[in-house]
Amino acid sequence: MSFRSPGADDLEEGAQLRALRAAFDDSRAILTGVGALLVKESQRAFREERMGNVRWKTRGETGMTPNWPGILADFAAGKSSPPDRRFQDRPVLSDTGHGRRSFSWRIVNQDTVEAGSMLGYLGALHAGEPTMTVPITAALQQRMWEWMKKIRASAKRAPGRVERAKGEGKEAHAKAVKGAARAVHIADMTSKLGWLLNKKLRGVQLAINHPPRPMVGLPKSLIQEIEGLYGKRFGRVA
């Protein structure tokens, strides 16, 4: 994303116009402010899951709940189970926070500032282009299978835990009911992941289709902020 300040080459010279020309020519302060605003807007996009009026689709809207690419990455990293967030529609693109924190800006020349991220995969997520999963290995599938067996066993034991908790007080019973509901929910979600255990997938990287989730841009509200910066700057030389 680049922002280019207007030129003043066609202005007829005069004392005030010369001052305006100087303001245009010495644009570093303005570009610094614009760059900071661009980065702030990108970070806001991650918090609010939208860029201006363009809302990011949830994982559920794209058939990605549970988040199976993330689950594959968890088991590829040697984890014994994925975190609960893998089974939630939101937040989107906020797994570790690295994406949101990766945005920065730089002044390219006297009338251009650029803002963006050095994380290459964010470009694909911004544009809605496909990415690839980690390679599926036998070890990954084995860890996943062991986890799925534990989840299913836990769901089967859930009614018994709830029944036993009835005699332990309201608080203990409520906790048991909540835990049982979670176990059943996760077990139901795992039933959608069995296809990933197919031996034919070993050594394969699967394509992940993403909807566009713009994270760099100039929504109307940001344009108004930038115009405010220019107005303040020129108000001091008029």
C-alpha atoms as a PDB file:
ATOM      1  CA  MET A   1       0.000   0.000   0.000  1.00  0.00           C
ATOM      2  CA  SER A   2       1.518   3.342  -1.080  1.00  0.00           C
ATOM      3  CA  PHE A   3       0.324   6.865  -0.346  1.00  0.00           C
ATOM      4  CA  ARG A   4       1.498   9.668  -2.606  1.00  0.00           C
ATOM      5  CA  SER A   5       1.246  13.299  -1.496  1.00  0.00           C
ATOM      6  CA  PRO A   6      -0.062  15.873  -4.053  1.00  0.00           C
ATOM      7  CA  GLY A   7       2.340  18.008  -6.040  1.00  0.00           C
ATOM      8  CA  ALA A   8       2.419  21.787  -6.285  1.00  0.00           C
ATOM      9  CA  ASP A   9       4.223  22.237  -9.597  1.00  0.00           C
ATOM     10  CA  ASP A  10       1.364  24.103 -11.280  1.00  0.00           C
ATOM     11  CA  LEU A  11       0.860  26.721  -8.544  1.00  0.00           C
ATOM     12  CA  GLU A  12       1.606  30.330  -9.384  1.00  0.00           C
ATOM     13  CA  GLU A  13       4.370  31.560  -7.093  1.00  0.00           C
ATOM     14  CA  GLY A  14       3.715  34.002  -4.282  1.00  0.00           C
ATOM     15  CA  ALA A  15       4.698  34.281  -0.629  1.00  0.00           C
ATOM     16  CA  GLN A  16       1.989  31.951   0.627  1.00  0.00           C
ATOM     17  CA  LEU A  17       2.305  29.609  -2.337  1.00  0.00           C
ATOM     18  CA  ARG A  18       6.039  29.362  -1.790  1.00  0.00           C
ATOM     19  CA  ALA A  19       5.305  28.397   1.805  1.00  0.00           C
ATOM     20  CA  LEU A  20       2.869  25.762   0.587  1.00  0.00           C
ATOM     21  CA  ARG A  21       5.460  24.492  -1.912  1.00  0.00           C
ATOM     22  CA  ALA A  22       7.958  24.166   0.940  1.00  0.00           C
ATOM     23  CA  ALA A  23       5.387  22.226   2.932  1.00  0.00           C
ATOM     24  CA  PHE A  24       4.863  19.876  -0.014  1.00  0.00           C
ATOM     25  CA  ASP A  25       8.573  19.484  -0.658  1.00  0.00           C
ATOM     26  CA  ASP A  26       9.373  18.848   3.005  1.00  0.00           C
ATOM     27  CA  SER A  27       6.745  16.157   3.386  1.00  0.00           C
ATOM     28  CA  ARG A  28       8.593  13.813   5.747  1.00  0.00           C
ATOM     29  CA  ALA A  29       6.527  14.822   8.775  1.00  0.00           C
ATOM     30  CA  ILE A  30       3.270  14.249   6.915  1.00  0.00           C
ATOM     31  CA  LEU A  31       4.407  10.923   5.482  1.00  0.00           C
ATOM     32  CA  THR A  32       5.516   9.826   8.936  1.00  0.00           C
ATOM     33  CA  GLY A  33       2.024  10.511  10.239  1.00  0.00           C
ATOM     34  CA  VAL A  34       0.398   8.765   7.279  1.00  0.00           C
ATOM     35  CA  GLY A  35       2.604   5.697   7.737  1.00  0.00           C
ATOM     36  CA  ALA A  36       1.690   5.472  11.409  1.00  0.00           C
ATOM     37  CA  LEU A  37      -2.015   5.750  10.536  1.00  0.00           C
ATOM     38  CA  LEU A  38      -1.749   3.008   7.906  1.00  0.00           C
ATOM     39  CA  VAL A  39      -0.166   0.644  10.422  1.00  0.00           C
ATOM     40  CA  LYS A  40      -2.749   1.550  13.061  1.00  0.00           C
ATOM     41  CA  GLU A  41      -5.521   0.762  10.574  1.00  0.00           C
ATOM     42  CA  SER A  42      -4.020  -2.656   9.809  1.00  0.00           C
ATOM     43  CA  GLN A  43      -3.750  -3.480  13.500  1.00  0.00           C
ATOM     44  CA  ARG A  44      -7.352  -2.365  13.992  1.00  0.00           C
ATOM     45  CA  ALA A  45      -8.385  -4.718  11.171  1.00  0.00           C
ATOM     46  CA  PHE A  46      -7.051  -7.673  13.174  1.00  0.00           C
ATOM     47  CA  ARG A  47      -8.798  -6.561  16.365  1.00  0.00           C
ATOM     48  CA  GLU A  48     -12.156  -5.829  14.717  1.00  0.00           C
ATOM     49  CA  GLU A  49     -11.856  -8.434  11.936  1.00  0.00           C
ATOM     50  CA  ARG A  50     -12.759  -5.932   9.250  1.00  0.00           C
ATOM     51  CA  MET A  51     -11.130  -3.306   7.029  1.00  0.00           C
ATOM     52  CA  GLY A  52     -13.436  -0.311   7.047  1.00  0.00           C
ATOM     53  CA  ASN A  53     -16.841  -1.665   6.026  1.00  0.00           C
ATOM     54  CA  VAL A  54     -15.449  -4.944   4.652  1.00  0.00           C
ATOM     55  CA  ARG A  55     -16.050  -7.618   7.307  1.00  0.00           C
ATOM     56  CA  TRP A  56     -13.799 -10.664   7.471  1.00  0.00           C
ATOM     57  CA  LYS A  57     -15.674 -13.937   7.079  1.00  0.00           C
ATOM     58  CA  THR A  58     -15.591 -16.283  10.053  1.00  0.00           C
ATOM     59  CA  ARG A  59     -14.128 -19.763   9.771  1.00  0.00           C
ATOM     60  CA  GLY A  60     -17.631 -21.180  10.072  1.00  0.00           C
ATOM     61  CA  GLU A  61     -18.765 -19.203   7.035  1.00  0.00           C
ATOM     62  CA  THR A  62     -16.017 -20.792   4.969  1.00  0.00           C
ATOM     63  CA  GLY A  63     -16.396 -24.348   6.278  1.00  0.00           C
ATOM     64  CA  MET A  64     -13.179 -24.156   8.309  1.00  0.00           C
ATOM     65  CA  THR A  65     -14.566 -24.968  11.753  1.00  0.00           C
ATOM     66  CA  PRO A  66     -12.828 -26.921  13.111  1.00  0.00           C
ATOM     67  CA  ASN A  67      -9.673 -25.244  11.882  1.00  0.00           C
ATOM     68  CA  TRP A  68      -8.127 -28.398  10.402  1.00  0.00           C
ATOM     69  CA  PRO A  69      -5.042 -26.684   8.878  1.00  0.00           C
ATOM     70  CA  GLY A  70      -4.226 -25.295  12.318  1.00  0.00           C
ATOM     71  CA  ILE A  71      -4.819 -28.705  13.904  1.00  0.00           C
ATOM     72  CA  LEU A  72      -2.420 -30.291  11.407  1.00  0.00           C
ATOM     73  CA  ALA A  73       0.175 -27.650  12.295  1.00  0.00           C
ATOM     74  CA  ASP A  74      -0.286 -28.396  16.004  1.00  0.00           C
ATOM     75  CA  PHE A  75       0.364 -32.115  15.570  1.00  0.00           C
ATOM     76  CA  ALA A  76       3.231 -31.466  13.145  1.00  0.00           C
ATOM     77  CA  ALA A  77       4.825 -29.394  15.926  1.00  0.00           C
ATOM     78  CA  GLY A  78       4.631 -32.410  18.231  1.00  0.00           C
ATOM     79  CA  LYS A  79       1.673 -31.308  20.349  1.00  0.00           C
ATOM     80  CA  SER A  80      -0.540 -33.987  21.883  1.00  0.00           C
ATOM     81  CA  SER A  81      -3.743 -31.972  21.424  1.00  0.00           C
ATOM     82  CA  PRO A  82      -4.853 -28.747  19.724  1.00  0.00           C
ATOM     83  CA  PRO A  83      -6.089 -25.723  21.711  1.00  0.00           C
ATOM     84  CA  ASP A  84      -9.801 -25.002  22.096  1.00  0.00           C
ATOM     85  CA  ARG A  85      -9.598 -22.043  19.692  1.00  0.00           C
ATOM     86  CA  ARG A  86      -9.243 -24.502  16.790  1.00  0.00           C
ATOM     87  CA  PHE A  87     -12.928 -25.321  17.273  1.00  0.00           C
ATOM     88  CA  GLN A  88     -14.208 -21.735  17.381  1.00  0.00           C
ATOM     89  CA  ASP A  89     -15.375 -19.493  14.539  1.00  0.00           C
ATOM     90  CA  ARG A  90     -13.518 -16.486  15.936  1.00  0.00           C
ATOM     91  CA  PRO A  91     -11.089 -14.849  16.299  1.00  0.00           C
ATOM     92  CA  VAL A  92      -9.862 -15.026  12.704  1.00  0.00           C
ATOM     93  CA  LEU A  93      -6.139 -14.755  11.826  1.00  0.00           C
ATOM     94  CA  SER A  94      -5.245 -14.084  15.465  1.00  0.00           C
ATOM     95  CA  ASP A  95      -3.632 -17.342  16.497  1.00  0.00           C
ATOM     96  CA  THR A  96      -0.389 -15.970  17.917  1.00  0.00           C
ATOM     97  CA  GLY A  97      -0.667 -12.226  17.275  1.00  0.00           C
ATOM     98  CA  HIS A  98       2.446 -12.274  15.062  1.00  0.00           C
ATOM     99  CA  GLY A  99       0.457 -11.070  12.058  1.00  0.00           C
ATOM    100  CA  ARG A 100      -1.004  -8.045  13.788  1.00  0.00           C
ATOM    101  CA  ARG A 101       2.351  -7.070  15.276  1.00  0.00           C
ATOM    102  CA  SER A 102       4.254  -7.536  11.994  1.00  0.00           C
ATOM    103  CA  PHE A 103       3.014  -4.387  10.257  1.00  0.00           C
ATOM    104  CA  SER A 104       5.332  -1.442   9.797  1.00  0.00           C
ATOM    105  CA  TRP A 105       5.871   1.486   7.446  1.00  0.00           C
ATOM    106  CA  ARG A 106       8.756   3.193   5.677  1.00  0.00           C
ATOM    107  CA  ILE A 107       9.271   6.377   3.711  1.00  0.00           C
ATOM    108  CA  VAL A 108      10.267   5.472   0.142  1.00  0.00           C
ATOM    109  CA  ASN A 109      11.011   8.989  -1.127  1.00  0.00           C
ATOM    110  CA  GLN A 110       9.888  12.559  -0.530  1.00  0.00           C
ATOM    111  CA  ASP A 111       6.304  11.917  -1.571  1.00  0.00           C
ATOM    112  CA  THR A 112       5.700   8.189  -0.937  1.00  0.00           C
ATOM    113  CA  VAL A 113       5.235   6.078   2.180  1.00  0.00           C
ATOM    114  CA  GLU A 114       4.652   2.322   2.160  1.00  0.00           C
ATOM    115  CA  ALA A 115       3.033   0.184   4.830  1.00  0.00           C
ATOM    116  CA  GLY A 116       2.722  -3.584   5.057  1.00  0.00           C
ATOM    117  CA  SER A 117       4.119  -6.770   6.578  1.00  0.00           C
ATOM    118  CA  MET A 118       7.214  -8.833   5.892  1.00  0.00           C
ATOM    119  CA  LEU A 119       5.226 -12.031   6.567  1.00  0.00           C
ATOM    120  CA  GLY A 120       4.707 -13.326   3.040  1.00  0.00           C
ATOM    121  CA  TYR A 121       1.671 -15.481   3.805  1.00  0.00           C
ATOM    122  CA  LEU A 122      -0.337 -12.427   4.895  1.00  0.00           C
ATOM    123  CA  GLY A 123      -0.404 -11.254   1.281  1.00  0.00           C
ATOM    124  CA  ALA A 124      -2.287 -14.409   0.306  1.00  0.00           C
ATOM    125  CA  LEU A 125      -4.702 -14.033   3.213  1.00  0.00           C
ATOM    126  CA  HIS A 126      -5.257 -10.370   2.316  1.00  0.00           C
ATOM    127  CA  ALA A 127      -6.107 -11.196  -1.300  1.00  0.00           C
ATOM    128  CA  GLY A 128      -7.909 -14.484  -0.664  1.00  0.00           C
ATOM    129  CA  GLU A 129      -5.330 -16.661  -2.406  1.00  0.00           C
ATOM    130  CA  PRO A 130      -4.727 -20.332  -1.473  1.00  0.00           C
ATOM    131  CA  THR A 131      -1.947 -21.438   0.871  1.00  0.00           C
ATOM    132  CA  MET A 132      -0.652 -24.933   1.720  1.00  0.00           C
ATOM    133  CA  THR A 133      -0.766 -26.987   4.909  1.00  0.00           C
ATOM    134  CA  VAL A 134       2.231 -28.565   6.578  1.00  0.00           C
ATOM    135  CA  PRO A 135       3.160 -31.953   5.060  1.00  0.00           C
ATOM    136  CA  ILE A 136       1.061 -34.781   6.499  1.00  0.00           C
ATOM    137  CA  THR A 137       3.275 -37.485   8.009  1.00  0.00           C
ATOM    138  CA  ALA A 138       2.644 -40.842   9.643  1.00  0.00           C
ATOM    139  CA  ALA A 139       3.792 -39.437  12.995  1.00  0.00           C
ATOM    140  CA  LEU A 140       1.361 -36.529  12.666  1.00  0.00           C
ATOM    141  CA  GLN A 141      -1.510 -38.894  11.898  1.00  0.00           C
ATOM    142  CA  GLN A 142      -0.602 -41.151  14.826  1.00  0.00           C
ATOM    143  CA  ARG A 143      -0.639 -38.251  17.293  1.00  0.00           C
ATOM    144  CA  MET A 144      -3.934 -37.102  15.844  1.00  0.00           C
ATOM    145  CA  TRP A 145      -5.471 -40.583  16.130  1.00  0.00           C
ATOM    146  CA  GLU A 146      -4.397 -40.927  19.779  1.00  0.00           C
ATOM    147  CA  TRP A 147      -5.947 -37.557  20.555  1.00  0.00           C
ATOM    148  CA  MET A 148      -9.200 -38.422  18.794  1.00  0.00           C
ATOM    149  CA  LYS A 149      -9.518 -41.661  20.797  1.00  0.00           C
ATOM    150  CA  LYS A 150      -9.073 -39.760  24.072  1.00  0.00           C
ATOM    151  CA  ILE A 151     -11.648 -37.149  23.066  1.00  0.00           C
ATOM    152  CA  ARG A 152     -14.237 -39.789  22.177  1.00  0.00           C
ATOM    153  CA  ALA A 153     -13.608 -41.701  25.396  1.00  0.00           C
ATOM    154  CA  SER A 154     -13.984 -38.513  27.408  1.00  0.00           C
ATOM    155  CA  ALA A 155     -17.317 -37.759  25.722  1.00  0.00           C
ATOM    156  CA  LYS A 156     -18.594 -41.265  26.587  1.00  0.00           C
ATOM    157  CA  ARG A 157     -17.671 -40.773  30.239  1.00  0.00           C
ATOM    158  CA  ALA A 158     -19.281 -37.316  30.412  1.00  0.00           C
ATOM    159  CA  PRO A 159     -22.799 -38.405  31.518  1.00  0.00           C
ATOM    160  CA  GLY A 160     -21.317 -40.422  34.391  1.00  0.00           C
ATOM    161  CA  ARG A 161     -19.263 -37.447  35.573  1.00  0.00           C
ATOM    162  CA  VAL A 162     -22.359 -35.248  35.564  1.00  0.00           C
ATOM    163  CA  GLU A 163     -24.359 -37.837  37.519  1.00  0.00           C
ATOM    164  CA  ARG A 164     -21.663 -38.216  40.171  1.00  0.00           C
ATOM    165  CA  ALA A 165     -21.379 -34.450  40.555  1.00  0.00           C
ATOM    166  CA  LYS A 166     -25.027 -34.116  41.575  1.00  0.00           C
ATOM    167  CA  GLY A 167     -24.123 -35.014  45.142  1.00  0.00           C
ATOM    168  CA  GLU A 168     -21.170 -32.610  45.279  1.00  0.00           C
ATOM    169  CA  GLY A 169     -23.082 -29.332  45.327  1.00  0.00           C
ATOM    170  CA  LYS A 170     -24.418 -26.902  42.733  1.00  0.00           C
ATOM    171  CA  GLU A 171     -21.040 -25.463  41.819  1.00  0.00           C
ATOM    172  CA  ALA A 172     -19.453 -28.857  41.208  1.00  0.00           C
ATOM    173  CA  HIS A 173     -22.488 -30.017  39.257  1.00  0.00           C
ATOM    174  CA  ALA A 174     -22.495 -26.898  37.066  1.00  0.00           C
ATOM    175  CA  LYS A 175     -18.775 -27.376  36.375  1.00  0.00           C
ATOM    176  CA  ALA A 176     -19.363 -31.009  35.424  1.00  0.00           C
ATOM    177  CA  VAL A 177     -22.218 -30.076  33.089  1.00  0.00           C
ATOM    178  CA  LYS A 178     -20.051 -27.465  31.391  1.00  0.00           C
ATOM    179  CA  GLY A 179     -17.158 -29.891  31.035  1.00  0.00           C
ATOM    180  CA  ALA A 180     -19.435 -32.577  29.628  1.00  0.00           C
ATOM    181  CA  ALA A 181     -20.887 -30.189  27.062  1.00  0.00           C
ATOM    182  CA  ARG A 182     -17.391 -29.231  25.954  1.00  0.00           C
ATOM    183  CA  ALA A 183     -16.307 -32.867  25.677  1.00  0.00           C
ATOM    184  CA  VAL A 184     -19.337 -33.775  23.576  1.00  0.00           C
ATOM    185  CA  HIS A 185     -18.873 -30.696  21.372  1.00  0.00           C
ATOM    186  CA  ILE A 186     -15.191 -31.417  20.716  1.00  0.00           C
ATOM    187  CA  ALA A 187     -15.957 -35.086  20.062  1.00  0.00           C
ATOM    188  CA  ASP A 188     -18.589 -34.080  17.536  1.00  0.00           C
ATOM    189  CA  MET A 189     -16.077 -31.781  15.859  1.00  0.00           C
ATOM    190  CA  THR A 190     -13.458 -34.531  15.642  1.00  0.00           C
ATOM    191  CA  SER A 191     -15.878 -36.627  13.582  1.00  0.00           C
ATOM    192  CA  LYS A 192     -15.253 -34.120  10.784  1.00  0.00           C
ATOM    193  CA  LEU A 193     -11.499 -34.753  10.829  1.00  0.00           C
ATOM    194  CA  GLY A 194     -11.298 -38.486  10.173  1.00  0.00           C
ATOM    195  CA  TRP A 195     -10.471 -37.969   6.500  1.00  0.00           C
ATOM    196  CA  LEU A 196      -7.116 -36.499   7.522  1.00  0.00           C
ATOM    197  CA  LEU A 197      -6.041 -39.932   8.782  1.00  0.00           C
ATOM    198  CA  ASN A 198      -6.129 -41.459   5.308  1.00  0.00           C
ATOM    199  CA  LYS A 199      -2.756 -43.074   4.582  1.00  0.00           C
ATOM    200  CA  LYS A 200      -2.919 -41.812   0.997  1.00  0.00           C
ATOM    201  CA  LEU A 201      -2.387 -38.283   2.354  1.00  0.00           C
ATOM    202  CA  ARG A 202       1.038 -39.037   3.787  1.00  0.00           C
ATOM    203  CA  GLY A 203       3.661 -36.783   2.285  1.00  0.00           C
ATOM    204  CA  VAL A 204       0.960 -34.511   0.882  1.00  0.00           C
ATOM    205  CA  GLN A 205       0.409 -30.793   1.459  1.00  0.00           C
ATOM    206  CA  LEU A 206      -3.217 -29.759   1.076  1.00  0.00           C
ATOM    207  CA  ALA A 207      -4.438 -26.496  -0.417  1.00  0.00           C
ATOM    208  CA  ILE A 208      -6.274 -24.117   1.924  1.00  0.00           C
ATOM    209  CA  ASN A 209      -8.779 -21.816   0.236  1.00  0.00           C
ATOM    210  CA  HIS A 210      -9.165 -18.449   1.947  1.00  0.00           C
ATOM    211  CA  PRO A 211     -11.737 -15.698   1.445  1.00  0.00           C
ATOM    212  CA  PRO A 212     -10.292 -12.189   1.013  1.00  0.00           C
ATOM    213  CA  ARG A 213      -9.625 -10.615   4.394  1.00  0.00           C
ATOM    214  CA  PRO A 214      -8.192  -7.150   3.594  1.00  0.00           C
ATOM    215  CA  MET A 215      -5.712  -5.955   6.190  1.00  0.00           C
ATOM    216  CA  VAL A 216      -4.108  -2.995   4.387  1.00  0.00           C
ATOM    217  CA  GLY A 217      -6.197  -0.249   2.853  1.00  0.00           C
ATOM    218  CA  LEU A 218      -7.609   3.264   2.866  1.00  0.00           C
ATOM    219  CA  PRO A 219     -11.160   3.144   4.229  1.00  0.00           C
ATOM    220  CA  LYS A 220     -13.112   6.389   4.327  1.00  0.00           C
ATOM    221  CA  SER A 221     -12.418   6.980   8.015  1.00  0.00           C
ATOM    222  CA  LEU A 222      -8.656   6.723   7.446  1.00  0.00           C
ATOM    223  CA  ILE A 223      -8.781   9.067   4.466  1.00  0.00           C
ATOM    224  CA  GLN A 224     -10.481  11.612   6.704  1.00  0.00           C
ATOM    225  CA  GLU A 225      -7.717  11.244   9.282  1.00  0.00           C
ATOM    226  CA  ILE A 226      -5.073  11.755   6.600  1.00  0.00           C
ATOM    227  CA  GLU A 227      -6.870  14.818   5.282  1.00  0.00           C
ATOM    228  CA  GLY A 228      -6.862  16.109   8.846  1.00  0.00           C
ATOM    229  CA  LEU A 229      -3.085  15.772   8.953  1.00  0.00           C
ATOM    230  CA  TYR A 230      -2.692  17.788   5.750  1.00  0.00           C
ATOM    231  CA  GLY A 231      -5.108  20.442   6.976  1.00  0.00           C
ATOM    232  CA  LYS A 232      -3.162  20.959  10.195  1.00  0.00           C
ATOM    233  CA  ARG A 233       0.136  21.150   8.322  1.00  0.00           C
ATOM    234  CA  PHE A 234      -1.061  23.717   5.796  1.00  0.00           C
ATOM    235  CA  GLY A 235      -2.893  25.722   8.428  1.00  0.00           C
ATOM    236  CA  ARG A 236       0.497  26.642   9.957  1.00  0.00           C
ATOM    237  CA  VAL A 237       1.836  28.123   6.701  1.00  0.00           C
ATOM    238  CA  ALA A 238      -1.261  29.907   5.350  1.00  0.00           C
END
